[in-house]
Amino acid sequence: MPDYAKLFALAAGNRLAESGSRKTTRNGTSYEVRWLDEYDPNDRLVGRFRTWTNQLLKPPYRKQVGWERFSLSGEMLDREVRYSRRKTEDYLH
């Protein structure tokens, strides 16, 4: 599992616990989602995160990864999405 605490820049002493996950395959794409809860040093829930990876199972095997940070009331506070990209565009015609 990736170092989510570092990726999310958690406050010192806070920790993450996985609260749910799902992996499915549909139309030639693999979808994986994880929910993580953030707890402070006193074990109080202070936030939630959703991470995902979408991987095409056929050429060109594109990949999308991302995460979202939510407040306890469900408001999205932050979001990051990354897309795979080839080093060159020589494959285009």
C-alpha atoms as a PDB file:
ATOM      1  CA  MET A   1       0.000   0.000   0.000  1.00  0.00           C
ATOM      2  CA  PRO A   2       1.357   3.479  -0.835  1.00  0.00           C
ATOM      3  CA  ASP A   3       2.531   5.808   1.920  1.00  0.00           C
ATOM      4  CA  TYR A   4      -0.775   7.665   2.124  1.00  0.00           C
ATOM      5  CA  ALA A   5       0.225   9.584   5.273  1.00  0.00           C
ATOM      6  CA  LYS A   6       3.051  11.210   3.321  1.00  0.00           C
ATOM      7  CA  LEU A   7       0.952  11.729   0.179  1.00  0.00           C
ATOM      8  CA  PHE A   8      -1.834  13.433   2.148  1.00  0.00           C
ATOM      9  CA  ALA A   9       0.619  15.393   4.354  1.00  0.00           C
ATOM     10  CA  LEU A  10      -1.124  14.326   7.554  1.00  0.00           C
ATOM     11  CA  ALA A  11      -0.557  16.351  10.706  1.00  0.00           C
ATOM     12  CA  ALA A  12       2.097  14.918  13.034  1.00  0.00           C
ATOM     13  CA  GLY A  13       0.610  12.171  15.192  1.00  0.00           C
ATOM     14  CA  ASN A  14      -2.422  11.569  12.983  1.00  0.00           C
ATOM     15  CA  ARG A  15      -2.982   8.136  11.489  1.00  0.00           C
ATOM     16  CA  LEU A  16      -5.053   6.488   8.765  1.00  0.00           C
ATOM     17  CA  ALA A  17      -7.283   3.425   8.939  1.00  0.00           C
ATOM     18  CA  GLU A  18      -8.886   1.792   5.907  1.00  0.00           C
ATOM     19  CA  SER A  19     -12.669   1.845   6.243  1.00  0.00           C
ATOM     20  CA  GLY A  20     -13.620   0.278   2.930  1.00  0.00           C
ATOM     21  CA  SER A  21     -12.427  -0.831  -0.484  1.00  0.00           C
ATOM     22  CA  ARG A  22     -13.791  -2.159  -3.736  1.00  0.00           C
ATOM     23  CA  LYS A  23     -12.229  -3.548  -6.895  1.00  0.00           C
ATOM     24  CA  THR A  24     -14.216  -4.174 -10.063  1.00  0.00           C
ATOM     25  CA  THR A  25     -13.548  -4.735 -13.736  1.00  0.00           C
ATOM     26  CA  ARG A  26     -15.860  -3.306 -16.355  1.00  0.00           C
ATOM     27  CA  ASN A  27     -15.511  -2.728 -20.107  1.00  0.00           C
ATOM     28  CA  GLY A  28     -11.803  -3.580 -20.145  1.00  0.00           C
ATOM     29  CA  THR A  29     -10.894  -1.321 -17.217  1.00  0.00           C
ATOM     30  CA  SER A  30      -9.957  -2.251 -13.656  1.00  0.00           C
ATOM     31  CA  TYR A  31     -11.328   0.115 -10.995  1.00  0.00           C
ATOM     32  CA  GLU A  32     -10.036   0.139  -7.417  1.00  0.00           C
ATOM     33  CA  VAL A  33     -11.356   2.469  -4.695  1.00  0.00           C
ATOM     34  CA  ARG A  34     -10.269   2.779  -1.056  1.00  0.00           C
ATOM     35  CA  TRP A  35     -11.784   4.843   1.757  1.00  0.00           C
ATOM     36  CA  LEU A  36      -9.440   5.906   4.551  1.00  0.00           C
ATOM     37  CA  ASP A  37     -10.355   7.573   7.840  1.00  0.00           C
ATOM     38  CA  GLU A  38      -7.970  10.035   9.494  1.00  0.00           C
ATOM     39  CA  TYR A  39      -7.685  10.004  13.292  1.00  0.00           C
ATOM     40  CA  ASP A  40      -5.907  12.489  15.544  1.00  0.00           C
ATOM     41  CA  PRO A  41      -3.602  11.383  18.422  1.00  0.00           C
ATOM     42  CA  ASN A  42      -6.688  11.135  20.706  1.00  0.00           C
ATOM     43  CA  ASP A  43      -8.353   8.691  18.257  1.00  0.00           C
ATOM     44  CA  ARG A  44     -10.986  11.211  17.167  1.00  0.00           C
ATOM     45  CA  LEU A  45     -12.112  10.998  13.552  1.00  0.00           C
ATOM     46  CA  VAL A  46     -10.967  14.223  11.853  1.00  0.00           C
ATOM     47  CA  GLY A  47     -11.331  13.510   8.122  1.00  0.00           C
ATOM     48  CA  ARG A  48     -11.882  11.025   5.319  1.00  0.00           C
ATOM     49  CA  PHE A  49     -10.055  10.259   2.108  1.00  0.00           C
ATOM     50  CA  ARG A  50     -11.035   8.432  -1.064  1.00  0.00           C
ATOM     51  CA  THR A  51      -8.319   7.046  -3.327  1.00  0.00           C
ATOM     52  CA  TRP A  52      -8.753   5.387  -6.695  1.00  0.00           C
ATOM     53  CA  THR A  53      -6.861   3.723  -9.506  1.00  0.00           C
ATOM     54  CA  ASN A  54      -8.385   3.110 -12.937  1.00  0.00           C
ATOM     55  CA  GLN A  55      -6.229   0.908 -15.186  1.00  0.00           C
ATOM     56  CA  LEU A  56      -7.067   0.104 -18.804  1.00  0.00           C
ATOM     57  CA  LEU A  57      -6.467  -3.628 -19.361  1.00  0.00           C
ATOM     58  CA  LYS A  58      -5.890  -3.268 -23.118  1.00  0.00           C
ATOM     59  CA  PRO A  59      -3.334  -1.203 -25.051  1.00  0.00           C
ATOM     60  CA  PRO A  60      -2.410   1.599 -24.500  1.00  0.00           C
ATOM     61  CA  TYR A  61      -2.908   0.551 -20.806  1.00  0.00           C
ATOM     62  CA  ARG A  62      -3.705   4.079 -19.649  1.00  0.00           C
ATOM     63  CA  LYS A  63      -3.897   4.675 -15.919  1.00  0.00           C
ATOM     64  CA  GLN A  64      -5.585   7.277 -13.731  1.00  0.00           C
ATOM     65  CA  VAL A  65      -4.836   7.627 -10.026  1.00  0.00           C
ATOM     66  CA  GLY A  66      -6.265  10.141  -7.621  1.00  0.00           C
ATOM     67  CA  TRP A  67      -7.401  11.052  -4.164  1.00  0.00           C
ATOM     68  CA  GLU A  68      -9.890  13.337  -2.470  1.00  0.00           C
ATOM     69  CA  ARG A  69      -9.973  14.735   1.077  1.00  0.00           C
ATOM     70  CA  PHE A  70     -13.350  15.232   2.769  1.00  0.00           C
ATOM     71  CA  SER A  71     -14.443  17.018   5.929  1.00  0.00           C
ATOM     72  CA  LEU A  72     -16.588  15.142   8.433  1.00  0.00           C
ATOM     73  CA  SER A  73     -19.645  16.872   6.964  1.00  0.00           C
ATOM     74  CA  GLY A  74     -18.811  15.429   3.515  1.00  0.00           C
ATOM     75  CA  GLU A  75     -17.446  18.597   1.903  1.00  0.00           C
ATOM     76  CA  MET A  76     -14.595  17.950  -0.547  1.00  0.00           C
ATOM     77  CA  LEU A  77     -11.561  19.905   0.643  1.00  0.00           C
ATOM     78  CA  ASP A  78      -8.826  18.801  -1.759  1.00  0.00           C
ATOM     79  CA  ARG A  79      -8.432  16.683  -4.893  1.00  0.00           C
ATOM     80  CA  GLU A  80      -5.541  15.424  -6.985  1.00  0.00           C
ATOM     81  CA  VAL A  81      -5.730  13.367 -10.182  1.00  0.00           C
ATOM     82  CA  ARG A  82      -2.827  12.020 -12.235  1.00  0.00           C
ATOM     83  CA  TYR A  83      -2.981  10.486 -15.698  1.00  0.00           C
ATOM     84  CA  SER A  84      -0.378   8.229 -17.273  1.00  0.00           C
ATOM     85  CA  ARG A  85       1.353   9.633 -20.312  1.00  0.00           C
ATOM     86  CA  ARG A  86       3.775   8.203 -22.832  1.00  0.00           C
ATOM     87  CA  LYS A  87       7.229   9.725 -23.083  1.00  0.00           C
ATOM     88  CA  THR A  88       6.768  10.457 -26.791  1.00  0.00           C
ATOM     89  CA  GLU A  89       3.873  10.787 -29.177  1.00  0.00           C
ATOM     90  CA  ASP A  90       5.535   8.634 -31.851  1.00  0.00           C
ATOM     91  CA  TYR A  91       2.672   6.143 -31.636  1.00  0.00           C
ATOM     92  CA  LEU A  92       0.232   8.723 -33.041  1.00  0.00           C
ATOM     93  CA  HIS A  93      -0.471   8.610 -36.759  1.00  0.00           C
END
